[in-house]
Amino acid sequence: MKEYSRGKVYLLGAGVGNIDALTLKGDRLLQSAEVLIYDALISDELLMRAPKDCLKLEVGKRGGKPSTSQEEINRLLVAYCSQGKQVVRLKSGDPLIFGRAREEIEALQNAECDFEIVAGISSALGAPLLAGIPLTDKHLSRCFTVLTAHQPEILDWEALAKIDTLVVLMGGRNLGKIVEYLVQNGRSPSHPIAIIRNAGSPLQQIWCSTLTNIQEQTREISLSPCIIVIGAVVNLQEMFQSLNPVPLDKKTVLVTRAAEQSSHFTGLLLNCGAMVLEMPALEITPPSSWQGLDEAIASLDTFHWLILTSSNAVQYFCKRLETLGRDLRSLGNLKIAVVGKKTAKVLQEYHLNPDFIPPNFVADSLAEHFPDRLAGLKILFPRVETGGRQVLVKELTAKGANIVEVPAYQSKCPDRIDPYVLKALKERSVHVITFASSKTVKNCDRLIKDALTPQELEETLASCCIASIGPQTSKTCQELFGRVDVEAKEYTLEGLTDAIVGYFSSSAR
């Protein structure tokens, strides 16, 4: 018998595509995958959960388009597993519902490859829920049936027409036949039907109508990928949608913070009901040289104050301190000033408390309210390598302080916009673009101008709200976009979230 390698294949259900519907186990597997073999319609936000060095292979099958054969998919799974790789076979919905898991499992078994099946939320269940349509109801639906309309002519429509609720997958291209077969077999032409396209994504759309009118309502619209729900329960959609109103329901918010910084802000927005797209406009990396920071750390006892104006500065400074074999006792004689609650919170994660936080959470306020007489003070200022504002250094220097600036990290513009985000921008389905710094505004301006035509750019910006975290960021928005619609009263991510909620809570919105 063949001796097993450490390789293993996980047949993982991706759910309805929204990362919030991915299981915790599924997320852990994605983050440790060495090879990711995935279907069509898998969202980019799920693909981005895999490590940067993970090999990603798309093998999706789409009707009428070139597709990877099932034999080739089987070969890839066996080949990479046999090399000792941790392989995630990412399938839409649940891996055992209307997929070809059987063929893949047989291939793995024949090759004596280890595998595991990991459940996902089927779109047959998730899409109606996200649209506010219950599949069962005490009075309207005692049962439901899930079917695929890929080949509608082979189904028993006489039996299907008698079932309270039907959930139809892969039915967009055969909508006319579905309606025809149901009416021919006794369903009333006025019977309710709903079509849910792009369920769980910022591009989700819902059409609710009757069997008679649904084709006219969706004429010349490409419905794929969609879920079709047929039954009296469709009439409950409006009631279920309003049971738990949230302030940013049906609003898509674009977050432009660096990828490693966006999760907290994304969480705040999701809690308010928004659908969130992440388009990192910053890439945070180590400085081009550690020499300046290393020399400063070697002479920490010569400084009176340490100023940290961002969470990046805190993290890179503290990590470099550790790398050089210094511990927190090295900071014993230093006082620490930080800008903003978030920066203070990150500092506390390193078991350090700031001696001073300016009242307005901006660098200008730090210079204005500095607690010590500045003349003769030597201040260490680890900061971004290029592109940062100089106002703080100028004002502190003007008051007699000796400021030693050292690069602690770099902040770069990514090469391009994620295709999933670009599609949403072009289709004008983004309601808010958020900015938490002037640099994100500048980089976003560069990225969208490179990716969109002048007309697309004008239409995209005109269709969405521009939201800024504070005055300096708003100034840059005005310079580059000609306007800013929302500015946080408190210059924090919580303040920015509150400002966006307030904007859409207005009766005019």
Protein backbone atom coordinates (compact mmCIF):
# COMPACT_ATOMS: atom_id res chain seq x y z
CA MET A 1 0.00 0.00 0.00
CA LYS A 2 1.15 3.54 -0.79
CA GLU A 3 2.60 5.45 2.15
CA TYR A 4 0.64 8.67 2.76
CA SER A 5 2.44 11.96 2.39
CA ARG A 6 1.49 14.96 4.49
CA GLY A 7 -0.54 16.27 1.56
CA LYS A 8 -4.27 16.62 1.94
CA VAL A 9 -7.16 17.96 -0.13
CA TYR A 10 -9.99 19.89 1.52
CA LEU A 11 -13.22 20.08 -0.49
CA LEU A 12 -14.42 23.35 1.00
CA GLY A 13 -17.78 25.02 0.53
CA ALA A 14 -17.40 28.77 -0.09
CA GLY A 15 -20.98 29.56 0.87
CA VAL A 16 -22.87 32.29 -0.96
CA GLY A 17 -19.67 34.22 -1.68
CA ASN A 18 -19.81 36.80 1.11
CA ILE A 19 -16.90 36.28 3.50
CA ASP A 20 -19.30 36.67 6.43
CA ALA A 21 -21.01 33.44 5.34
CA LEU A 22 -17.77 31.45 5.28
CA THR A 23 -17.36 29.04 8.18
CA LEU A 24 -14.61 29.64 10.72
CA LYS A 25 -12.99 26.36 9.73
CA GLY A 26 -13.16 27.36 6.08
CA ASP A 27 -11.43 30.64 6.83
CA ARG A 28 -8.64 28.86 8.74
CA LEU A 29 -8.11 26.47 5.83
CA LEU A 30 -7.95 29.30 3.30
CA GLN A 31 -5.35 31.14 5.37
CA SER A 32 -3.08 28.07 5.45
CA ALA A 33 -3.61 26.82 1.88
CA GLU A 34 -0.56 26.08 -0.26
CA VAL A 35 -2.61 25.43 -3.40
CA LEU A 36 -6.08 26.89 -4.02
CA ILE A 37 -8.13 25.32 -6.83
CA TYR A 38 -11.36 27.25 -7.13
CA ASP A 39 -14.61 27.46 -9.08
CA ALA A 40 -15.98 30.37 -11.04
CA LEU A 41 -18.00 32.95 -9.07
CA ILE A 42 -15.69 32.75 -6.04
CA SER A 43 -15.35 36.31 -4.77
CA ASP A 44 -12.00 38.03 -4.68
CA GLU A 45 -12.37 38.76 -0.97
CA LEU A 46 -12.31 35.00 -0.35
CA LEU A 47 -9.32 34.49 -2.64
CA MET A 48 -7.45 37.22 -0.77
CA ARG A 49 -7.72 35.18 2.46
CA ALA A 50 -5.14 32.76 1.04
CA PRO A 51 -1.44 33.47 1.69
CA LYS A 52 0.39 35.62 -0.86
CA ASP A 53 2.59 32.71 -1.89
CA CYS A 54 -0.36 30.33 -2.34
CA LEU A 55 -0.70 28.94 -5.88
CA LYS A 56 -4.19 29.90 -7.12
CA LEU A 57 -5.75 28.01 -10.04
CA GLU A 58 -9.18 28.88 -11.42
CA VAL A 59 -10.98 25.85 -12.84
CA GLY A 60 -14.52 27.20 -13.00
CA LYS A 61 -17.10 26.00 -15.48
CA ARG A 62 -19.33 28.64 -17.09
CA GLY A 63 -21.94 27.88 -19.71
CA GLY A 64 -20.84 28.77 -23.24
CA LYS A 65 -17.29 29.64 -22.16
CA PRO A 66 -14.00 27.71 -22.22
CA SER A 67 -13.86 25.50 -19.14
CA THR A 68 -11.39 23.26 -17.38
CA SER A 69 -12.34 19.61 -17.89
CA GLN A 70 -13.26 17.52 -14.87
CA GLU A 71 -10.43 15.14 -15.74
CA GLU A 72 -7.91 18.00 -15.54
CA ILE A 73 -9.33 19.15 -12.19
CA ASN A 74 -8.98 15.61 -10.85
CA ARG A 75 -5.40 15.43 -12.12
CA LEU A 76 -4.46 18.72 -10.44
CA LEU A 77 -5.90 17.64 -7.09
CA VAL A 78 -4.02 14.35 -7.13
CA ALA A 79 -0.77 15.88 -8.41
CA TYR A 80 -0.49 18.62 -5.78
CA CYS A 81 -1.64 16.38 -2.94
CA SER A 82 0.98 13.80 -3.98
CA GLN A 83 3.60 16.55 -3.71
CA GLY A 84 2.72 16.91 -0.03
CA LYS A 85 0.74 20.15 -0.46
CA GLN A 86 -2.21 21.37 1.56
CA VAL A 87 -4.77 21.79 -1.22
CA VAL A 88 -8.06 23.64 -0.84
CA ARG A 89 -10.63 22.80 -3.50
CA LEU A 90 -12.95 25.77 -3.11
CA LYS A 91 -16.47 25.13 -4.39
CA SER A 92 -19.40 27.54 -4.50
CA GLY A 93 -22.10 26.96 -1.90
CA ASP A 94 -21.86 23.52 -0.30
CA PRO A 95 -19.42 21.05 -1.91
CA LEU A 96 -21.99 18.21 -2.05
CA ILE A 97 -24.92 20.12 -3.57
CA PHE A 98 -25.07 20.15 -7.38
CA GLY A 99 -21.32 19.86 -7.71
CA ARG A 100 -19.01 17.16 -9.01
CA ALA A 101 -17.55 16.16 -5.69
CA ARG A 102 -18.11 12.48 -6.37
CA GLU A 103 -15.75 12.42 -9.38
CA GLU A 104 -13.06 14.30 -7.43
CA ILE A 105 -13.34 12.07 -4.37
CA GLU A 106 -13.14 8.94 -6.51
CA ALA A 107 -9.96 10.27 -8.15
CA LEU A 108 -8.44 11.04 -4.74
CA GLN A 109 -9.39 7.64 -3.36
CA ASN A 110 -7.93 5.84 -6.37
CA ALA A 111 -4.66 7.73 -5.86
CA GLU A 112 -4.79 7.07 -2.07
CA CYS A 113 -4.79 10.81 -1.35
CA ASP A 114 -6.09 12.05 1.96
CA PHE A 115 -9.11 14.36 1.78
CA GLU A 116 -11.75 16.02 3.94
CA ILE A 117 -15.13 17.54 3.11
CA VAL A 118 -15.90 20.89 4.77
CA ALA A 119 -19.48 22.13 4.68
CA GLY A 120 -20.53 25.46 3.25
CA ILE A 121 -23.83 27.35 3.20
CA SER A 122 -25.63 26.42 0.00
CA SER A 123 -26.88 29.33 -2.08
CA ALA A 124 -30.22 27.51 -2.11
CA LEU A 125 -30.52 28.41 1.58
CA GLY A 126 -28.34 31.50 1.86
CA ALA A 127 -29.63 33.52 -1.09
CA PRO A 128 -33.33 33.53 -0.05
CA LEU A 129 -32.32 34.39 3.52
CA LEU A 130 -30.18 37.32 2.36
CA ALA A 131 -33.12 38.51 0.25
CA GLY A 132 -35.50 38.26 3.22
CA ILE A 133 -37.51 35.36 1.79
CA PRO A 134 -38.38 32.48 4.19
CA LEU A 135 -38.48 29.08 2.52
CA THR A 136 -41.01 27.73 5.00
CA ASP A 137 -43.97 29.32 6.77
CA LYS A 138 -46.64 27.80 9.00
CA HIS A 139 -49.43 28.99 6.71
CA LEU A 140 -47.80 29.40 3.29
CA SER A 141 -45.13 26.74 2.87
CA ARG A 142 -44.98 23.35 4.55
CA CYS A 143 -42.04 22.22 2.42
CA PHE A 144 -39.57 23.34 -0.22
CA THR A 145 -37.66 21.61 -2.97
CA VAL A 146 -34.29 22.54 -4.42
CA LEU A 147 -33.66 21.77 -8.08
CA THR A 148 -31.34 22.68 -10.87
CA ALA A 149 -32.90 23.92 -14.12
CA HIS A 150 -29.80 23.20 -16.17
CA GLN A 151 -31.90 20.69 -18.13
CA PRO A 152 -35.51 21.64 -17.35
CA GLU A 153 -37.03 19.32 -19.95
CA ILE A 154 -36.08 16.18 -17.99
CA LEU A 155 -37.78 17.25 -14.72
CA ASP A 156 -41.20 16.13 -13.48
CA TRP A 157 -43.00 19.48 -13.64
CA GLU A 158 -46.38 17.93 -12.83
CA ALA A 159 -44.99 16.93 -9.42
CA LEU A 160 -42.94 20.10 -8.93
CA ALA A 161 -45.96 22.34 -9.57
CA LYS A 162 -47.68 20.86 -6.50
CA ILE A 163 -44.83 21.74 -4.07
CA ASP A 164 -45.33 24.86 -1.94
CA THR A 165 -41.92 26.46 -2.53
CA LEU A 166 -39.38 25.82 -5.27
CA VAL A 167 -35.77 26.98 -5.15
CA VAL A 168 -34.22 26.82 -8.60
CA LEU A 169 -30.47 26.93 -9.18
CA MET A 170 -28.85 27.59 -12.56
CA GLY A 171 -32.18 28.70 -14.00
CA GLY A 172 -31.50 32.18 -15.38
CA ARG A 173 -31.06 31.09 -18.99
CA ASN A 174 -34.17 28.88 -18.86
CA LEU A 175 -36.53 31.25 -17.04
CA GLY A 176 -39.05 31.16 -19.90
CA LYS A 177 -39.24 27.36 -19.88
CA ILE A 178 -39.58 27.25 -16.07
CA VAL A 179 -42.55 29.64 -16.21
CA GLU A 180 -44.10 27.77 -19.13
CA TYR A 181 -43.84 24.32 -17.50
CA LEU A 182 -45.26 25.52 -14.18
CA VAL A 183 -48.26 27.30 -15.71
CA GLN A 184 -48.95 24.31 -17.98
CA ASN A 185 -49.03 22.09 -14.89
CA GLY A 186 -51.40 24.13 -12.79
CA ARG A 187 -49.53 27.02 -11.19
CA SER A 188 -51.46 30.28 -11.44
CA PRO A 189 -49.90 32.91 -13.74
CA SER A 190 -50.22 35.34 -10.79
CA HIS A 191 -48.14 33.08 -8.53
CA PRO A 192 -45.20 34.96 -6.84
CA ILE A 193 -41.63 34.54 -8.05
CA ALA A 194 -38.35 36.16 -6.98
CA ILE A 195 -35.00 36.22 -8.73
CA ILE A 196 -31.89 36.93 -6.65
CA ARG A 197 -28.78 37.75 -8.65
CA ASN A 198 -25.26 37.93 -7.13
CA ALA A 199 -26.58 36.94 -3.71
CA GLY A 200 -24.46 38.06 -0.79
CA SER A 201 -22.32 40.44 -2.83
CA PRO A 202 -22.39 44.24 -3.12
CA LEU A 203 -23.90 43.68 -6.58
CA GLN A 204 -26.92 41.76 -5.24
CA GLN A 205 -30.20 42.52 -7.01
CA ILE A 206 -33.70 41.19 -6.36
CA TRP A 207 -36.72 41.10 -8.66
CA CYS A 208 -40.08 40.14 -7.13
CA SER A 209 -42.99 39.64 -9.50
CA THR A 210 -45.43 37.03 -10.82
CA LEU A 211 -44.98 34.18 -13.26
CA THR A 212 -46.78 36.30 -15.85
CA ASN A 213 -44.67 39.44 -15.47
CA ILE A 214 -41.20 38.29 -14.42
CA GLN A 215 -39.87 37.81 -17.95
CA GLU A 216 -40.90 41.29 -19.04
CA GLN A 217 -39.40 42.75 -15.86
CA THR A 218 -36.03 41.09 -16.51
CA ARG A 219 -35.97 41.34 -20.30
CA GLU A 220 -32.47 41.89 -21.77
CA ILE A 221 -30.89 41.45 -18.32
CA SER A 222 -28.23 38.80 -17.82
CA LEU A 223 -29.53 36.98 -14.74
CA SER A 224 -26.60 34.66 -14.16
CA PRO A 225 -25.65 33.85 -11.46
CA CYS A 226 -29.06 33.75 -9.83
CA ILE A 227 -31.35 31.83 -7.49
CA ILE A 228 -35.06 31.65 -8.33
CA VAL A 229 -37.65 31.26 -5.57
CA ILE A 230 -41.23 30.39 -6.54
CA GLY A 231 -43.97 30.31 -3.93
CA ALA A 232 -46.33 32.36 -1.79
CA VAL A 233 -43.49 33.02 0.67
CA VAL A 234 -42.05 35.54 -1.81
CA ASN A 235 -44.82 37.93 -0.69
CA LEU A 236 -43.24 37.97 2.80
CA GLN A 237 -40.02 39.49 1.46
CA GLU A 238 -40.82 43.09 2.36
CA MET A 239 -41.93 42.18 5.88
CA PHE A 240 -38.83 40.11 6.61
CA GLN A 241 -36.54 42.77 5.22
CA SER A 242 -37.96 45.34 7.65
CA LEU A 243 -37.92 43.18 10.78
CA ASN A 244 -34.39 44.20 11.69
CA PRO A 245 -33.63 47.54 10.05
CA VAL A 246 -30.02 48.65 10.12
CA PRO A 247 -28.77 52.12 9.22
CA LEU A 248 -26.56 51.12 6.29
CA ASP A 249 -28.76 48.35 4.91
CA LYS A 250 -28.27 47.90 1.13
CA LYS A 251 -25.39 50.40 1.14
CA THR A 252 -22.03 49.36 -0.28
CA VAL A 253 -19.04 51.07 1.34
CA LEU A 254 -15.56 51.08 -0.18
CA VAL A 255 -12.74 51.02 2.40
CA THR A 256 -9.38 52.33 1.14
CA ARG A 257 -7.19 51.67 4.18
CA ALA A 258 -4.16 49.40 4.00
CA ALA A 259 -5.15 45.71 3.92
CA GLU A 260 -3.67 44.97 7.35
CA GLN A 261 -5.52 47.94 8.88
CA SER A 262 -8.98 47.57 7.37
CA SER A 263 -10.51 44.78 9.48
CA HIS A 264 -11.56 46.99 12.41
CA PHE A 265 -13.20 49.58 10.18
CA THR A 266 -14.83 46.87 8.09
CA GLY A 267 -16.26 45.34 11.26
CA LEU A 268 -17.78 48.68 12.34
CA LEU A 269 -19.47 49.09 8.96
CA LEU A 270 -20.72 45.50 8.82
CA ASN A 271 -22.31 45.96 12.24
CA CYS A 272 -24.31 48.82 10.75
CA GLY A 273 -25.59 46.60 7.93
CA ALA A 274 -23.31 47.78 5.13
CA MET A 275 -21.82 45.59 2.46
CA VAL A 276 -18.10 46.35 2.46
CA LEU A 277 -15.57 46.27 -0.35
CA GLU A 278 -11.91 46.62 0.53
CA MET A 279 -9.63 48.41 -1.92
CA PRO A 280 -6.32 48.92 -0.13
CA ALA A 281 -4.89 52.23 -1.35
CA LEU A 282 -1.81 51.77 0.83
CA GLU A 283 0.79 49.05 1.15
CA ILE A 284 2.75 49.26 4.40
CA THR A 285 6.29 47.85 4.23
CA PRO A 286 9.58 48.19 6.17
CA PRO A 287 11.72 51.26 5.40
CA SER A 288 14.34 51.10 2.64
CA SER A 289 16.97 51.12 5.41
CA TRP A 290 16.83 50.45 9.14
CA GLN A 291 20.00 52.45 9.82
CA GLY A 292 18.36 55.63 11.07
CA LEU A 293 15.96 53.87 13.42
CA ASP A 294 18.64 51.48 14.67
CA GLU A 295 20.98 54.35 15.52
CA ALA A 296 18.17 56.15 17.35
CA ILE A 297 17.28 53.03 19.36
CA ALA A 298 20.94 52.62 20.29
CA SER A 299 20.89 56.10 21.86
CA LEU A 300 17.40 56.13 23.41
CA ASP A 301 18.77 57.46 26.71
CA THR A 302 19.61 60.78 24.98
CA PHE A 303 15.96 61.54 24.12
CA HIS A 304 13.33 63.20 26.28
CA TRP A 305 10.20 62.35 24.26
CA LEU A 306 9.06 59.75 21.72
CA ILE A 307 6.29 60.85 19.32
CA LEU A 308 4.18 58.23 17.52
CA THR A 309 1.50 59.56 15.18
CA SER A 310 0.07 56.30 13.78
CA SER A 311 -0.47 52.66 14.63
CA ASN A 312 2.07 51.78 11.92
CA ALA A 313 4.72 53.84 13.71
CA VAL A 314 3.95 52.07 16.99
CA GLN A 315 4.12 48.59 15.48
CA TYR A 316 7.27 49.09 13.43
CA PHE A 317 9.10 50.88 16.26
CA CYS A 318 8.21 48.28 18.89
CA LYS A 319 9.00 45.34 16.61
CA ARG A 320 12.37 46.85 15.70
CA LEU A 321 13.11 47.39 19.37
CA GLU A 322 12.48 43.69 19.96
CA THR A 323 14.53 42.65 16.90
CA LEU A 324 17.51 44.56 18.27
CA GLY A 325 17.25 42.74 21.59
CA ARG A 326 15.95 45.72 23.56
CA ASP A 327 12.95 45.48 25.87
CA LEU A 328 10.48 48.02 27.23
CA ARG A 329 12.87 49.00 30.01
CA SER A 330 14.85 50.82 27.31
CA LEU A 331 12.02 53.36 27.24
CA GLY A 332 12.05 53.93 31.00
CA ASN A 333 13.26 57.56 30.87
CA LEU A 334 11.22 58.52 27.81
CA LYS A 335 7.84 60.21 27.76
CA ILE A 336 5.56 59.10 24.92
CA ALA A 337 3.11 61.25 22.97
CA VAL A 338 0.66 59.71 20.49
CA VAL A 339 -1.93 61.08 18.09
CA GLY A 340 -5.36 59.45 18.25
CA LYS A 341 -7.18 56.86 20.34
CA LYS A 342 -6.35 54.07 17.88
CA THR A 343 -2.62 54.80 18.16
CA ALA A 344 -2.91 54.80 21.95
CA LYS A 345 -4.78 51.50 21.87
CA VAL A 346 -2.10 49.85 19.72
CA LEU A 347 0.59 51.21 22.07
CA GLN A 348 -1.23 49.64 25.02
CA GLU A 349 -1.04 46.27 23.26
CA TYR A 350 2.72 46.55 23.88
CA HIS A 351 1.99 47.27 27.58
CA LEU A 352 2.83 50.98 27.22
CA ASN A 353 0.64 53.94 28.14
CA PRO A 354 1.06 57.33 26.46
CA ASP A 355 1.95 60.32 28.60
CA PHE A 356 0.11 62.69 26.28
CA ILE A 357 -2.71 62.48 23.70
CA PRO A 358 -3.72 65.79 22.07
CA PRO A 359 -7.44 66.62 22.34
CA ASN A 360 -8.25 66.73 18.61
CA PHE A 361 -6.44 63.56 17.46
CA VAL A 362 -4.40 65.39 14.80
CA ALA A 363 -0.69 66.22 14.63
CA ASP A 364 -1.37 69.97 14.55
CA SER A 365 -3.10 69.68 17.91
CA LEU A 366 -0.09 67.86 19.39
CA ALA A 367 2.18 70.82 18.65
CA GLU A 368 -0.38 73.31 19.95
CA HIS A 369 -1.06 71.54 23.26
CA PHE A 370 2.32 69.92 23.99
CA PRO A 371 2.55 69.58 27.81
CA ASP A 372 6.26 70.44 28.26
CA ARG A 373 8.28 73.53 27.42
CA LEU A 374 9.80 72.53 24.09
CA ALA A 375 12.99 74.59 24.15
CA GLY A 376 15.98 72.23 24.54
CA LEU A 377 13.98 69.00 24.33
CA LYS A 378 15.32 66.19 22.14
CA ILE A 379 12.42 64.33 20.52
CA LEU A 380 12.51 61.06 18.58
CA PHE A 381 9.98 60.90 15.76
CA PRO A 382 9.79 57.51 13.95
CA ARG A 383 7.56 58.07 10.95
CA VAL A 384 6.67 57.15 7.37
CA GLU A 385 9.70 57.31 5.08
CA THR A 386 8.26 59.63 2.43
CA GLY A 387 5.11 61.61 1.83
CA GLY A 388 4.24 62.57 5.40
CA ARG A 389 3.20 66.08 6.44
CA GLN A 390 5.97 68.32 7.79
CA VAL A 391 3.82 70.70 9.84
CA LEU A 392 4.49 68.94 13.17
CA VAL A 393 8.26 69.00 12.73
CA LYS A 394 8.22 72.66 11.67
CA GLU A 395 6.09 73.78 14.60
CA LEU A 396 8.02 71.85 17.24
CA THR A 397 11.34 73.01 15.80
CA ALA A 398 10.11 76.60 15.77
CA LYS A 399 9.48 76.30 19.51
CA GLY A 400 13.05 75.18 20.18
CA ALA A 401 12.82 71.38 20.14
CA ASN A 402 15.43 69.18 18.50
CA ILE A 403 13.41 66.73 16.35
CA VAL A 404 15.16 63.58 15.12
CA GLU A 405 13.10 62.13 12.28
CA VAL A 406 13.82 58.50 11.33
CA PRO A 407 12.01 56.32 8.79
CA ALA A 408 10.17 53.46 10.50
CA TYR A 409 8.06 52.20 7.60
CA GLN A 410 7.08 52.92 4.01
CA SER A 411 3.62 53.62 2.67
CA LYS A 412 3.26 52.80 -1.02
CA CYS A 413 0.51 52.87 -3.61
CA PRO A 414 -0.59 49.41 -4.88
CA ASP A 415 -0.08 48.63 -8.55
CA ARG A 416 -3.75 48.23 -9.45
CA ILE A 417 -7.34 48.01 -8.27
CA ASP A 418 -8.75 44.60 -7.44
CA PRO A 419 -10.91 43.46 -10.43
CA TYR A 420 -13.92 42.79 -8.18
CA VAL A 421 -13.80 46.35 -6.83
CA LEU A 422 -13.24 47.78 -10.30
CA LYS A 423 -16.37 46.03 -11.54
CA ALA A 424 -18.42 47.51 -8.70
CA LEU A 425 -17.08 51.01 -9.45
CA LYS A 426 -17.86 50.72 -13.15
CA GLU A 427 -21.37 49.49 -12.42
CA ARG A 428 -21.79 52.39 -9.97
CA SER A 429 -22.91 50.07 -7.16
CA VAL A 430 -20.62 51.74 -4.59
CA HIS A 431 -22.51 54.18 -2.37
CA VAL A 432 -19.64 55.49 -0.21
CA ILE A 433 -15.87 55.81 -0.68
CA THR A 434 -14.10 56.28 2.66
CA PHE A 435 -10.75 57.91 3.32
CA ALA A 436 -8.80 57.76 6.58
CA SER A 437 -5.77 59.77 5.45
CA SER A 438 -4.66 62.19 2.77
CA LYS A 439 -2.37 59.56 1.31
CA THR A 440 -5.27 57.16 0.72
CA VAL A 441 -7.04 59.96 -1.16
CA LYS A 442 -4.00 60.60 -3.38
CA ASN A 443 -3.39 56.93 -4.06
CA CYS A 444 -7.05 56.19 -4.72
CA ASP A 445 -7.17 59.11 -7.15
CA ARG A 446 -4.19 57.67 -9.00
CA LEU A 447 -5.61 54.12 -9.06
CA ILE A 448 -9.08 55.00 -10.33
CA LYS A 449 -7.74 57.43 -12.93
CA ASP A 450 -5.52 54.65 -14.27
CA ALA A 451 -8.40 52.14 -14.32
CA LEU A 452 -11.40 54.21 -15.48
CA THR A 453 -12.07 56.31 -18.54
CA PRO A 454 -12.71 60.03 -17.84
CA GLN A 455 -16.44 59.49 -18.36
CA GLU A 456 -16.52 56.43 -16.09
CA LEU A 457 -14.58 58.36 -13.46
CA GLU A 458 -16.98 61.31 -13.58
CA GLU A 459 -20.06 59.08 -13.36
CA THR A 460 -18.59 56.96 -10.56
CA LEU A 461 -17.69 59.93 -8.36
CA ALA A 462 -21.03 61.63 -9.04
CA SER A 463 -22.93 58.53 -7.91
CA CYS A 464 -21.28 58.04 -4.51
CA CYS A 465 -20.68 59.81 -1.21
CA ILE A 466 -17.11 60.82 -0.37
CA ALA A 467 -16.44 60.38 3.35
CA SER A 468 -13.39 61.75 5.19
CA ILE A 469 -11.99 61.09 8.65
CA GLY A 470 -10.89 64.67 9.31
CA PRO A 471 -9.95 68.16 8.07
CA GLN A 472 -6.62 67.36 6.40
CA THR A 473 -8.10 64.38 4.57
CA SER A 474 -11.08 66.52 3.56
CA LYS A 475 -8.74 69.17 2.17
CA THR A 476 -7.12 66.59 -0.10
CA CYS A 477 -10.55 65.31 -1.19
CA GLN A 478 -11.50 68.86 -2.16
CA GLU A 479 -8.28 69.30 -4.13
CA LEU A 480 -8.58 66.05 -6.09
CA PHE A 481 -12.33 65.31 -6.24
CA GLY A 482 -13.77 68.79 -5.88
CA ARG A 483 -15.91 67.94 -2.88
CA VAL A 484 -16.34 65.99 0.35
CA ASP A 485 -19.81 64.91 1.49
CA VAL A 486 -19.11 63.58 4.99
CA GLU A 487 -16.49 64.51 7.58
CA ALA A 488 -16.19 62.80 10.95
CA LYS A 489 -16.76 65.02 13.97
CA GLU A 490 -14.41 62.83 16.01
CA TYR A 491 -11.36 61.98 13.90
CA THR A 492 -11.50 58.23 14.47
CA LEU A 493 -12.85 55.25 12.54
CA GLU A 494 -15.75 55.12 14.98
CA GLY A 495 -16.37 58.80 14.29
CA LEU A 496 -16.24 58.22 10.54
CA THR A 497 -18.72 55.34 10.85
CA ASP A 498 -21.10 57.53 12.87
CA ALA A 499 -20.83 60.29 10.26
CA ILE A 500 -21.70 57.90 7.41
CA VAL A 501 -24.68 56.56 9.38
CA GLY A 502 -25.84 60.11 10.02
CA TYR A 503 -25.55 60.96 6.34
CA PHE A 504 -27.84 58.10 5.29
CA SER A 505 -30.19 58.56 8.22
CA SER A 506 -31.18 61.94 6.83
CA SER A 507 -34.67 61.97 5.37
CA ALA A 508 -33.19 63.30 2.13
CA ARG A 509 -31.18 60.15 1.49
